[in-house]
PDB file of N, CA and C in Angstrom:
ATOM      1  N   MET A   1      79.972 248.368  48.935  1.00  0.00           N
ATOM      2  CA  MET A   1      81.335 247.735  49.415  1.00  0.00           C
ATOM      3  C   MET A   1      82.422 248.977  48.951  1.00  0.00           C
ATOM      4  N   ALA A   2      82.400 249.403  47.835  1.00  0.00           N
ATOM      5  CA  ALA A   2      83.528 250.254  47.319  1.00  0.00           C
ATOM      6  C   ALA A   2      83.578 251.414  48.440  1.00  0.00           C
ATOM      7  N   CYS A   3      82.666 252.092  49.081  1.00  0.00           N
ATOM      8  CA  CYS A   3      82.767 252.955  49.874  1.00  0.00           C
ATOM      9  C   CYS A   3      82.917 252.589  51.179  1.00  0.00           C
ATOM     10  N   GLY A   4      83.018 251.457  51.769  1.00  0.00           N
ATOM     11  CA  GLY A   4      83.386 250.940  53.102  1.00  0.00           C
ATOM     12  C   GLY A   4      82.191 250.861  53.909  1.00  0.00           C
ATOM     13  N   ARG A   5      81.167 251.061  53.541  1.00  0.00           N
ATOM     14  CA  ARG A   5      79.802 250.860  54.485  1.00  0.00           C
ATOM     15  C   ARG A   5      79.384 249.432  54.799  1.00  0.00           C
ATOM     16  N   LEU A   6      80.015 248.325  54.031  1.00  0.00           N
ATOM     17  CA  LEU A   6      79.419 246.768  54.154  1.00  0.00           C
ATOM     18  C   LEU A   6      81.047 246.429  54.046  1.00  0.00           C
ATOM     19  N   ASP A   7      81.095 245.011  54.605  1.00  0.00           N
ATOM     20  CA  ASP A   7      82.005 243.936  54.394  1.00  0.00           C
ATOM     21  C   ASP A   7      81.974 243.021  53.641  1.00  0.00           C
ATOM     22  N   GLY A   8      80.275 242.532  53.406  1.00  0.00           N
ATOM     23  CA  GLY A   8      79.969 241.338  52.548  1.00  0.00           C
ATOM     24  C   GLY A   8      78.501 241.737  52.172  1.00  0.00           C
ATOM     25  N   TYR A   9      77.998 241.077  51.072  1.00  0.00           N
ATOM     26  CA  TYR A   9      77.148 240.903  50.421  1.00  0.00           C
ATOM     27  C   TYR A   9      76.893 240.047  49.848  1.00  0.00           C
ATOM     28  N   PHE A  10      75.383 239.241  49.734  1.00  0.00           N
ATOM     29  CA  PHE A  10      75.178 238.354  48.689  1.00  0.00           C
ATOM     30  C   PHE A  10      73.880 238.083  48.581  1.00  0.00           C
ATOM     31  N   GLU A  11      73.171 237.628  47.430  1.00  0.00           N
ATOM     32  CA  GLU A  11      72.183 237.757  46.586  1.00  0.00           C
ATOM     33  C   GLU A  11      72.058 236.678  45.751  1.00  0.00           C
ATOM     34  N   GLU A  12      70.547 236.014  45.731  1.00  0.00           N
ATOM     35  CA  GLU A  12      70.525 235.149  44.617  1.00  0.00           C
ATOM     36  C   GLU A  12      69.321 235.427  43.674  1.00  0.00           C
ATOM     37  N   ASN A  13      69.621 234.897  42.551  1.00  0.00           N
ATOM     38  CA  ASN A  13      68.535 235.194  41.797  1.00  0.00           C
ATOM     39  C   ASN A  13      68.218 236.722  41.136  1.00  0.00           C
ATOM     40  N   VAL A  14      69.281 237.271  40.856  1.00  0.00           N
ATOM     41  CA  VAL A  14      69.283 238.861  40.335  1.00  0.00           C
ATOM     42  C   VAL A  14      69.499 238.567  38.689  1.00  0.00           C
ATOM     43  N   LYS A  15      69.104 239.829  38.406  1.00  0.00           N
ATOM     44  CA  LYS A  15      69.315 239.812  36.862  1.00  0.00           C
ATOM     45  C   LYS A  15      70.992 240.310  36.458  1.00  0.00           C
ATOM     46  N   SER A  16      71.388 239.995  35.580  1.00  0.00           N
ATOM     47  CA  SER A  16      72.854 240.105  35.151  1.00  0.00           C
ATOM     48  C   SER A  16      72.923 242.019  35.241  1.00  0.00           C
ATOM     49  N   TRP A  17      72.046 242.405  34.692  1.00  0.00           N
ATOM     50  CA  TRP A  17      72.312 244.160  34.439  1.00  0.00           C
ATOM     51  C   TRP A  17      71.859 244.620  36.020  1.00  0.00           C
ATOM     52  N   ASP A  18      71.739 244.038  36.842  1.00  0.00           N
ATOM     53  CA  ASP A  18      71.446 244.465  38.294  1.00  0.00           C
ATOM     54  C   ASP A  18      72.644 244.612  39.079  1.00  0.00           C
ATOM     55  N   ILE A  19      73.595 243.569  38.662  1.00  0.00           N
ATOM     56  CA  ILE A  19      74.836 243.646  39.285  1.00  0.00           C
ATOM     57  C   ILE A  19      76.141 243.747  38.766  1.00  0.00           C
ATOM     58  N   MET A  20      76.128 243.957  37.421  1.00  0.00           N
ATOM     59  CA  MET A  20      77.223 244.245  36.577  1.00  0.00           C
ATOM     60  C   MET A  20      78.222 245.681  36.629  1.00  0.00           C
ATOM     61  N   ALA A  21      77.436 246.653  36.914  1.00  0.00           N
ATOM     62  CA  ALA A  21      78.337 247.667  37.038  1.00  0.00           C
ATOM     63  C   ALA A  21      78.913 247.875  38.737  1.00  0.00           C
ATOM     64  N   GLY A  22      77.934 247.289  39.392  1.00  0.00           N
ATOM     65  CA  GLY A  22      78.423 247.201  40.640  1.00  0.00           C
ATOM     66  C   GLY A  22      79.618 246.349  41.235  1.00  0.00           C
ATOM     67  N   GLU A  23      79.414 245.212  40.713  1.00  0.00           N
ATOM     68  CA  GLU A  23      80.732 244.204  40.401  1.00  0.00           C
ATOM     69  C   GLU A  23      81.898 244.663  39.926  1.00  0.00           C
ATOM     70  N   LEU A  24      81.906 245.324  38.954  1.00  0.00           N
ATOM     71  CA  LEU A  24      82.973 245.866  38.244  1.00  0.00           C
ATOM     72  C   LEU A  24      83.706 247.166  39.442  1.00  0.00           C
ATOM     73  N   ILE A  25      82.747 247.891  39.716  1.00  0.00           N
ATOM     74  CA  ILE A  25      83.148 248.978  40.597  1.00  0.00           C
ATOM     75  C   ILE A  25      83.702 248.288  42.144  1.00  0.00           C
ATOM     76  N   ALA A  26      83.170 247.057  42.565  1.00  0.00           N
ATOM     77  CA  ALA A  26      83.441 246.537  43.825  1.00  0.00           C
ATOM     78  C   ALA A  26      84.951 245.640  43.592  1.00  0.00           C
ATOM     79  N   ARG A  27      85.290 245.038  42.462  1.00  0.00           N
ATOM     80  CA  ARG A  27      86.311 244.891  42.155  1.00  0.00           C
ATOM     81  C   ARG A  27      87.470 245.523  42.104  1.00  0.00           C
ATOM     82  N   GLU A  28      87.280 246.697  41.498  1.00  0.00           N
ATOM     83  CA  GLU A  28      88.208 247.732  41.496  1.00  0.00           C
ATOM     84  C   GLU A  28      88.755 248.421  42.720  1.00  0.00           C
ATOM     85  N   ALA A  29      87.966 248.182  43.874  1.00  0.00           N
ATOM     86  CA  ALA A  29      88.184 248.722  45.032  1.00  0.00           C
ATOM     87  C   ALA A  29      88.713 247.668  45.937  1.00  0.00           C
ATOM     88  N   GLY A  30      88.951 246.599  44.943  1.00  0.00           N
ATOM     89  CA  GLY A  30      89.757 245.366  45.992  1.00  0.00           C
ATOM     90  C   GLY A  30      88.671 244.471  46.170  1.00  0.00           C
ATOM     91  N   ALA A  31      87.467 244.179  46.592  1.00  0.00           N
ATOM     92  CA  ALA A  31      86.648 243.456  46.590  1.00  0.00           C
ATOM     93  C   ALA A  31      86.726 242.017  45.826  1.00  0.00           C
ATOM     94  N   ILE A  32      86.580 240.867  46.684  1.00  0.00           N
ATOM     95  CA  ILE A  32      86.609 239.534  45.887  1.00  0.00           C
ATOM     96  C   ILE A  32      84.897 239.479  45.226  1.00  0.00           C
ATOM     97  N   THR A  33      84.525 238.867  44.069  1.00  0.00           N
ATOM     98  CA  THR A  33      83.246 238.508  44.018  1.00  0.00           C
ATOM     99  C   THR A  33      83.195 236.810  43.288  1.00  0.00           C
ATOM    100  N   SER A  34      82.218 236.200  43.729  1.00  0.00           N
ATOM    101  CA  SER A  34      82.250 234.876  43.149  1.00  0.00           C
ATOM    102  C   SER A  34      80.821 234.469  43.231  1.00  0.00           C
ATOM    103  N   ASP A  35      80.492 233.114  42.768  1.00  0.00           N
ATOM    104  CA  ASP A  35      79.377 232.413  43.496  1.00  0.00           C
ATOM    105  C   ASP A  35      79.705 231.921  44.771  1.00  0.00           C
ATOM    106  N   PHE A  36      78.692 231.070  44.982  1.00  0.00           N
ATOM    107  CA  PHE A  36      78.651 230.322  46.716  1.00  0.00           C
ATOM    108  C   PHE A  36      79.714 229.299  46.675  1.00  0.00           C
ATOM    109  N   ALA A  37      80.301 228.936  45.394  1.00  0.00           N
ATOM    110  CA  ALA A  37      80.750 227.832  45.587  1.00  0.00           C
ATOM    111  C   ALA A  37      82.742 228.616  45.463  1.00  0.00           C
ATOM    112  N   GLY A  38      82.597 229.787  44.949  1.00  0.00           N
ATOM    113  CA  GLY A  38      84.047 230.422  44.738  1.00  0.00           C
ATOM    114  C   GLY A  38      84.453 230.547  43.535  1.00  0.00           C
ATOM    115  N   ASP A  39      83.567 229.939  42.656  1.00  0.00           N
ATOM    116  CA  ASP A  39      83.455 230.330  41.595  1.00  0.00           C
ATOM    117  C   ASP A  39      83.414 231.628  40.701  1.00  0.00           C
ATOM    118  N   PRO A  40      83.335 232.054  39.474  1.00  0.00           N
ATOM    119  CA  PRO A  40      83.001 233.058  39.148  1.00  0.00           C
ATOM    120  C   PRO A  40      81.522 233.364  39.161  1.00  0.00           C
ATOM    121  N   ALA A  41      81.388 235.015  39.838  1.00  0.00           N
ATOM    122  CA  ALA A  41      79.923 235.146  40.164  1.00  0.00           C
ATOM    123  C   ALA A  41      78.957 235.081  38.867  1.00  0.00           C
ATOM    124  N   ARG A  42      77.703 234.611  39.154  1.00  0.00           N
ATOM    125  CA  ARG A  42      76.639 234.761  38.343  1.00  0.00           C
ATOM    126  C   ARG A  42      75.479 235.171  39.062  1.00  0.00           C
ATOM    127  N   PRO A  43      74.114 235.186  38.138  1.00  0.00           N
ATOM    128  CA  PRO A  43      73.181 235.998  38.748  1.00  0.00           C
ATOM    129  C   PRO A  43      72.225 234.894  39.661  1.00  0.00           C
ATOM    130  N   ALA A  44      72.616 233.861  39.161  1.00  0.00           N
ATOM    131  CA  ALA A  44      71.787 232.837  40.227  1.00  0.00           C
ATOM    132  C   ALA A  44      72.508 232.859  41.579  1.00  0.00           C
ATOM    133  N   GLU A  45      73.846 233.122  41.799  1.00  0.00           N
ATOM    134  CA  GLU A  45      74.197 233.428  43.098  1.00  0.00           C
ATOM    135  C   GLU A  45      75.465 234.459  43.066  1.00  0.00           C
ATOM    136  N   PHE A  46      75.359 235.260  43.723  1.00  0.00           N
ATOM    137  CA  PHE A  46      76.098 236.509  43.963  1.00  0.00           C
ATOM    138  C   PHE A  46      76.935 236.736  45.160  1.00  0.00           C
ATOM    139  N   LEU A  47      78.258 236.829  45.413  1.00  0.00           N
ATOM    140  CA  LEU A  47      78.682 237.073  46.498  1.00  0.00           C
ATOM    141  C   LEU A  47      79.666 238.224  46.289  1.00  0.00           C
ATOM    142  N   VAL A  48      79.865 239.061  47.060  1.00  0.00           N
ATOM    143  CA  VAL A  48      80.901 240.279  47.124  1.00  0.00           C
ATOM    144  C   VAL A  48      81.450 240.257  48.500  1.00  0.00           C
ATOM    145  N   ALA A  49      82.680 240.322  48.590  1.00  0.00           N
ATOM    146  CA  ALA A  49      83.293 240.591  50.125  1.00  0.00           C
ATOM    147  C   ALA A  49      84.446 240.984  49.854  1.00  0.00           C
ATOM    148  N   THR A  50      84.974 241.767  51.164  1.00  0.00           N
ATOM    149  CA  THR A  50      86.370 242.170  51.276  1.00  0.00           C
ATOM    150  C   THR A  50      87.268 240.791  51.213  1.00  0.00           C
ATOM    151  N   VAL A  51      88.599 240.896  51.027  1.00  0.00           N
ATOM    152  CA  VAL A  51      89.269 240.055  51.064  1.00  0.00           C
ATOM    153  C   VAL A  51      89.273 239.392  52.266  1.00  0.00           C
ATOM    154  N   GLY A  52      89.561 240.057  53.213  1.00  0.00           N
ATOM    155  CA  GLY A  52      89.480 239.789  54.854  1.00  0.00           C
ATOM    156  C   GLY A  52      88.285 238.543  55.454  1.00  0.00           C
ATOM    157  N   ILE A  53      87.374 238.682  54.524  1.00  0.00           N
ATOM    158  CA  ILE A  53      86.218 237.913  55.069  1.00  0.00           C
ATOM    159  C   ILE A  53      85.319 236.869  53.895  1.00  0.00           C
ATOM    160  N   HIS A  54      85.920 237.115  52.817  1.00  0.00           N
ATOM    161  CA  HIS A  54      85.125 236.434  51.697  1.00  0.00           C
ATOM    162  C   HIS A  54      85.461 235.033  51.763  1.00  0.00           C
ATOM    163  N   ALA A  55      86.580 234.333  52.337  1.00  0.00           N
ATOM    164  CA  ALA A  55      86.319 232.919  52.572  1.00  0.00           C
ATOM    165  C   ALA A  55      85.451 232.497  53.555  1.00  0.00           C
ATOM    166  N   ALA A  56      85.411 233.206  54.639  1.00  0.00           N
ATOM    167  CA  ALA A  56      84.615 233.061  55.795  1.00  0.00           C
ATOM    168  C   ALA A  56      83.036 232.966  55.604  1.00  0.00           C
ATOM    169  N   LEU A  57      82.806 234.100  54.676  1.00  0.00           N
ATOM    170  CA  LEU A  57      81.221 234.153  54.516  1.00  0.00           C
ATOM    171  C   LEU A  57      80.876 233.090  53.476  1.00  0.00           C
ATOM    172  N   LEU A  58      81.951 232.734  52.419  1.00  0.00           N
ATOM    173  CA  LEU A  58      81.502 231.448  51.617  1.00  0.00           C
ATOM    174  C   LEU A  58      81.178 230.186  52.476  1.00  0.00           C
ATOM    175  N   HIS A  59      82.041 229.936  53.533  1.00  0.00           N
ATOM    176  CA  HIS A  59      81.695 228.909  54.511  1.00  0.00           C
ATOM    177  C   HIS A  59      80.314 229.070  55.247  1.00  0.00           C
ATOM    178  N   ILE A  60      80.156 230.231  55.663  1.00  0.00           N
ATOM    179  CA  ILE A  60      79.134 230.389  56.644  1.00  0.00           C
ATOM    180  C   ILE A  60      77.763 230.021  55.515  1.00  0.00           C
ATOM    181  N   ILE A  61      77.666 230.701  54.298  1.00  0.00           N
ATOM    182  CA  ILE A  61      76.512 230.386  53.474  1.00  0.00           C
ATOM    183  C   ILE A  61      76.600 229.062  52.976  1.00  0.00           C
ATOM    184  N   ASN A  62      77.712 228.399  52.644  1.00  0.00           N
ATOM    185  CA  ASN A  62      77.593 226.953  52.498  1.00  0.00           C
ATOM    186  C   ASN A  62      76.861 226.058  53.581  1.00  0.00           C
ATOM    187  N   ARG A  63      77.416 226.472  54.731  1.00  0.00           N
ATOM    188  CA  ARG A  63      76.905 225.600  56.033  1.00  0.00           C
ATOM    189  C   ARG A  63      75.455 225.560  56.334  1.00  0.00           C
ATOM    190  N   ALA A  64      74.893 226.605  56.317  1.00  0.00           N
ATOM    191  CA  ALA A  64      73.245 227.411  56.323  1.00  0.00           C
ATOM    192  C   ALA A  64      72.582 226.769  54.855  1.00  0.00           C
ATOM    193  N   ASP A  65      73.222 226.308  53.881  1.00  0.00           N
ATOM    194  CA  ASP A  65      72.246 225.848  52.896  1.00  0.00           C
ATOM    195  C   ASP A  65      72.133 224.125  53.309  1.00  0.00           C
TER     196      ASP A  65
END
């Protein structure tokens, strides 16, 4: 995300130590992080995306659920 190779990424049931540093780096680069409801990211539901596609990716994830 931070270097521009991806526009969005999501994963479920990760350990907090697996996402903490990456979340900070992505947010500092301008990405948005959240859970699948748009609330603060958490290990059970982790989504990171560019500002331009975050809302659309949330919508797609929730429709697929």
